[in-house]
Amino acid sequence: MLEKVAFTMYPVTDVKRARAFYEGLLGLETHGTEKIGENMAWIEYDLPGGGCFALADFTEDVPHANSGGTIAFEVSDLDGLIAHLKNNGVAFAGDMFHSPVCRMAVCLDPDGNSLLLHQLKNK
């Protein structure tokens, strides 16, 4: 019955600030920004390799690192990205952690949503 994950959505409180983070710091490119009503936005980012990530400022959900869901972005240079984000004042939730197959770090977007940055040890 289920075909695929259509999108992952995070609530944001400040669209301009969120776009500066996701587009400016993480380098995501939007393919669609939609105004829904006078002051409501929906922003979609198609992800390399498939999938869609969206931001919305009109839901009743409250952004929070412990809200239950986390998006995990696969990255090619975890150390470089962590250094870049820390140099730009991005907060991290703890230290990098390791599994037998990957290394991961969790950072917080400007609203406090958690993002898991993930790099496989051997591709």
C-alpha atoms as a PDB file:
ATOM      1  CA  MET A   1       0.000   0.000   0.000  1.00  0.00           C
ATOM      2  CA  LEU A   2       2.804   2.445   0.783  1.00  0.00           C
ATOM      3  CA  GLU A   3       4.859   3.529  -2.208  1.00  0.00           C
ATOM      4  CA  LYS A   4       7.528   5.881  -0.844  1.00  0.00           C
ATOM      5  CA  VAL A   5       8.187   8.675   1.603  1.00  0.00           C
ATOM      6  CA  ALA A   6       6.667  11.702  -0.144  1.00  0.00           C
ATOM      7  CA  PHE A   7       8.495  14.278   1.979  1.00  0.00           C
ATOM      8  CA  THR A   8       9.844  15.044   5.406  1.00  0.00           C
ATOM      9  CA  MET A   9       8.623  18.364   6.839  1.00  0.00           C
ATOM     10  CA  TYR A  10       9.962  20.490   9.660  1.00  0.00           C
ATOM     11  CA  PRO A  11       8.067  23.369  11.226  1.00  0.00           C
ATOM     12  CA  VAL A  12       9.872  26.725  11.338  1.00  0.00           C
ATOM     13  CA  THR A  13       9.024  30.041  12.957  1.00  0.00           C
ATOM     14  CA  ASP A  14      11.090  32.375  10.759  1.00  0.00           C
ATOM     15  CA  VAL A  15      11.168  31.476   7.049  1.00  0.00           C
ATOM     16  CA  LYS A  16      13.953  33.915   6.144  1.00  0.00           C
ATOM     17  CA  ARG A  17      16.208  32.623   8.929  1.00  0.00           C
ATOM     18  CA  ALA A  18      15.407  28.976   8.067  1.00  0.00           C
ATOM     19  CA  ARG A  19      16.210  29.540   4.388  1.00  0.00           C
ATOM     20  CA  ALA A  20      19.520  31.203   5.300  1.00  0.00           C
ATOM     21  CA  PHE A  21      20.404  28.072   7.279  1.00  0.00           C
ATOM     22  CA  TYR A  22      19.203  25.376   4.867  1.00  0.00           C
ATOM     23  CA  GLU A  23      20.178  27.143   1.640  1.00  0.00           C
ATOM     24  CA  GLY A  24      23.098  29.290   2.792  1.00  0.00           C
ATOM     25  CA  LEU A  25      24.854  26.942   5.218  1.00  0.00           C
ATOM     26  CA  LEU A  26      23.763  23.500   3.990  1.00  0.00           C
ATOM     27  CA  GLY A  27      23.568  24.365   0.281  1.00  0.00           C
ATOM     28  CA  LEU A  28      20.092  22.974  -0.406  1.00  0.00           C
ATOM     29  CA  GLU A  29      18.320  24.342  -3.477  1.00  0.00           C
ATOM     30  CA  THR A  30      14.599  24.965  -3.481  1.00  0.00           C
ATOM     31  CA  HIS A  31      12.447  23.942  -6.384  1.00  0.00           C
ATOM     32  CA  GLY A  32       9.266  25.392  -5.042  1.00  0.00           C
ATOM     33  CA  THR A  33       8.244  28.024  -2.570  1.00  0.00           C
ATOM     34  CA  GLU A  34       4.556  28.397  -2.166  1.00  0.00           C
ATOM     35  CA  LYS A  35       2.660  31.054  -0.291  1.00  0.00           C
ATOM     36  CA  ILE A  36      -0.361  29.634   1.424  1.00  0.00           C
ATOM     37  CA  GLY A  37      -2.433  32.555   2.583  1.00  0.00           C
ATOM     38  CA  GLU A  38      -1.061  35.973   3.523  1.00  0.00           C
ATOM     39  CA  ASN A  39       1.784  34.988   5.837  1.00  0.00           C
ATOM     40  CA  MET A  40       2.234  31.259   5.359  1.00  0.00           C
ATOM     41  CA  ALA A  41       4.979  29.496   3.411  1.00  0.00           C
ATOM     42  CA  TRP A  42       5.794  25.976   2.204  1.00  0.00           C
ATOM     43  CA  ILE A  43       9.324  25.429   0.864  1.00  0.00           C
ATOM     44  CA  GLU A  44      10.477  22.197  -0.798  1.00  0.00           C
ATOM     45  CA  TYR A  45      14.000  20.939  -1.433  1.00  0.00           C
ATOM     46  CA  ASP A  46      14.595  17.936  -3.703  1.00  0.00           C
ATOM     47  CA  LEU A  47      17.499  16.020  -2.218  1.00  0.00           C
ATOM     48  CA  PRO A  48      20.361  14.557  -4.241  1.00  0.00           C
ATOM     49  CA  GLY A  49      19.728  10.849  -4.637  1.00  0.00           C
ATOM     50  CA  GLY A  50      15.990  11.231  -4.077  1.00  0.00           C
ATOM     51  CA  GLY A  51      13.598  12.399  -1.438  1.00  0.00           C
ATOM     52  CA  CYS A  52      12.088  15.734  -0.587  1.00  0.00           C
ATOM     53  CA  PHE A  53      12.579  17.932   2.486  1.00  0.00           C
ATOM     54  CA  ALA A  54      10.080  20.691   3.251  1.00  0.00           C
ATOM     55  CA  LEU A  55       9.780  23.620   5.638  1.00  0.00           C
ATOM     56  CA  ALA A  56       6.485  25.134   6.735  1.00  0.00           C
ATOM     57  CA  ASP A  57       5.623  28.031   9.002  1.00  0.00           C
ATOM     58  CA  PHE A  58       1.893  27.434   9.372  1.00  0.00           C
ATOM     59  CA  THR A  59       1.592  24.205  11.330  1.00  0.00           C
ATOM     60  CA  GLU A  60       0.724  24.008  14.997  1.00  0.00           C
ATOM     61  CA  ASP A  61       3.799  21.823  15.546  1.00  0.00           C
ATOM     62  CA  VAL A  62       6.434  23.422  17.726  1.00  0.00           C
ATOM     63  CA  PRO A  63      10.020  23.080  16.490  1.00  0.00           C
ATOM     64  CA  HIS A  64      12.060  21.101  18.983  1.00  0.00           C
ATOM     65  CA  ALA A  65      15.065  18.765  18.930  1.00  0.00           C
ATOM     66  CA  ASN A  66      13.152  16.128  20.928  1.00  0.00           C
ATOM     67  CA  SER A  67       9.948  16.135  18.895  1.00  0.00           C
ATOM     68  CA  GLY A  68      10.291  12.500  17.902  1.00  0.00           C
ATOM     69  CA  GLY A  69      11.503  12.684  14.310  1.00  0.00           C
ATOM     70  CA  THR A  70      14.874  13.573  12.853  1.00  0.00           C
ATOM     71  CA  ILE A  71      15.949  13.817   9.258  1.00  0.00           C
ATOM     72  CA  ALA A  72      19.345  12.271   8.507  1.00  0.00           C
ATOM     73  CA  PHE A  73      21.388  13.846   5.708  1.00  0.00           C
ATOM     74  CA  GLU A  74      24.125  11.724   4.130  1.00  0.00           C
ATOM     75  CA  VAL A  75      27.257  13.847   3.695  1.00  0.00           C
ATOM     76  CA  SER A  76      30.568  13.224   1.933  1.00  0.00           C
ATOM     77  CA  ASP A  77      32.797  15.166   4.373  1.00  0.00           C
ATOM     78  CA  LEU A  78      31.415  15.083   7.900  1.00  0.00           C
ATOM     79  CA  ASP A  79      34.452  16.725   9.510  1.00  0.00           C
ATOM     80  CA  GLY A  80      34.442  19.569   6.984  1.00  0.00           C
ATOM     81  CA  LEU A  81      30.713  20.195   7.337  1.00  0.00           C
ATOM     82  CA  ILE A  82      30.884  20.174  11.141  1.00  0.00           C
ATOM     83  CA  ALA A  83      33.736  22.710  11.050  1.00  0.00           C
ATOM     84  CA  HIS A  84      31.809  24.905   8.576  1.00  0.00           C
ATOM     85  CA  LEU A  85      28.644  24.846  10.684  1.00  0.00           C
ATOM     86  CA  LYS A  86      30.464  25.468  13.975  1.00  0.00           C
ATOM     87  CA  ASN A  87      32.323  28.405  12.392  1.00  0.00           C
ATOM     88  CA  ASN A  88      28.891  29.834  11.570  1.00  0.00           C
ATOM     89  CA  GLY A  89      27.560  29.451  15.121  1.00  0.00           C
ATOM     90  CA  VAL A  90      25.450  26.317  14.616  1.00  0.00           C
ATOM     91  CA  ALA A  91      24.792  24.414  17.845  1.00  0.00           C
ATOM     92  CA  PHE A  92      25.461  20.683  18.137  1.00  0.00           C
ATOM     93  CA  ALA A  93      23.729  18.240  20.472  1.00  0.00           C
ATOM     94  CA  GLY A  94      26.722  16.383  21.885  1.00  0.00           C
ATOM     95  CA  ASP A  95      29.817  14.964  20.258  1.00  0.00           C
ATOM     96  CA  MET A  96      30.169  12.914  17.098  1.00  0.00           C
ATOM     97  CA  PHE A  97      29.238   9.295  17.638  1.00  0.00           C
ATOM     98  CA  HIS A  98      30.256   6.149  15.821  1.00  0.00           C
ATOM     99  CA  SER A  99      28.576   2.941  14.797  1.00  0.00           C
ATOM    100  CA  PRO A 100      30.316   0.013  13.117  1.00  0.00           C
ATOM    101  CA  VAL A 101      29.348   1.414   9.693  1.00  0.00           C
ATOM    102  CA  CYS A 102      29.111   5.194  10.067  1.00  0.00           C
ATOM    103  CA  ARG A 103      29.890   8.405  11.941  1.00  0.00           C
ATOM    104  CA  MET A 104      27.126  10.803  12.949  1.00  0.00           C
ATOM    105  CA  ALA A 105      26.622  14.195  14.553  1.00  0.00           C
ATOM    106  CA  VAL A 106      23.427  16.018  15.457  1.00  0.00           C
ATOM    107  CA  CYS A 107      23.139  19.760  14.916  1.00  0.00           C
ATOM    108  CA  LEU A 108      20.205  22.079  15.530  1.00  0.00           C
ATOM    109  CA  ASP A 109      18.629  24.401  12.997  1.00  0.00           C
ATOM    110  CA  PRO A 110      17.739  27.974  14.068  1.00  0.00           C
ATOM    111  CA  ASP A 111      14.366  26.762  15.426  1.00  0.00           C
ATOM    112  CA  GLY A 112      15.866  23.895  17.411  1.00  0.00           C
ATOM    113  CA  ASN A 113      14.899  21.082  15.007  1.00  0.00           C
ATOM    114  CA  SER A 114      17.531  18.342  15.053  1.00  0.00           C
ATOM    115  CA  LEU A 115      19.418  17.295  11.926  1.00  0.00           C
ATOM    116  CA  LEU A 116      21.483  14.141  11.909  1.00  0.00           C
ATOM    117  CA  LEU A 117      24.574  14.448   9.709  1.00  0.00           C
ATOM    118  CA  HIS A 118      25.656  10.980   8.586  1.00  0.00           C
ATOM    119  CA  GLN A 119      28.760   9.661   6.814  1.00  0.00           C
ATOM    120  CA  LEU A 120      29.373   6.016   5.957  1.00  0.00           C
ATOM    121  CA  LYS A 121      32.815   4.741   6.960  1.00  0.00           C
ATOM    122  CA  ASN A 122      33.336   2.615   3.822  1.00  0.00           C
ATOM    123  CA  LYS A 123      31.277   3.118   0.699  1.00  0.00           C
END
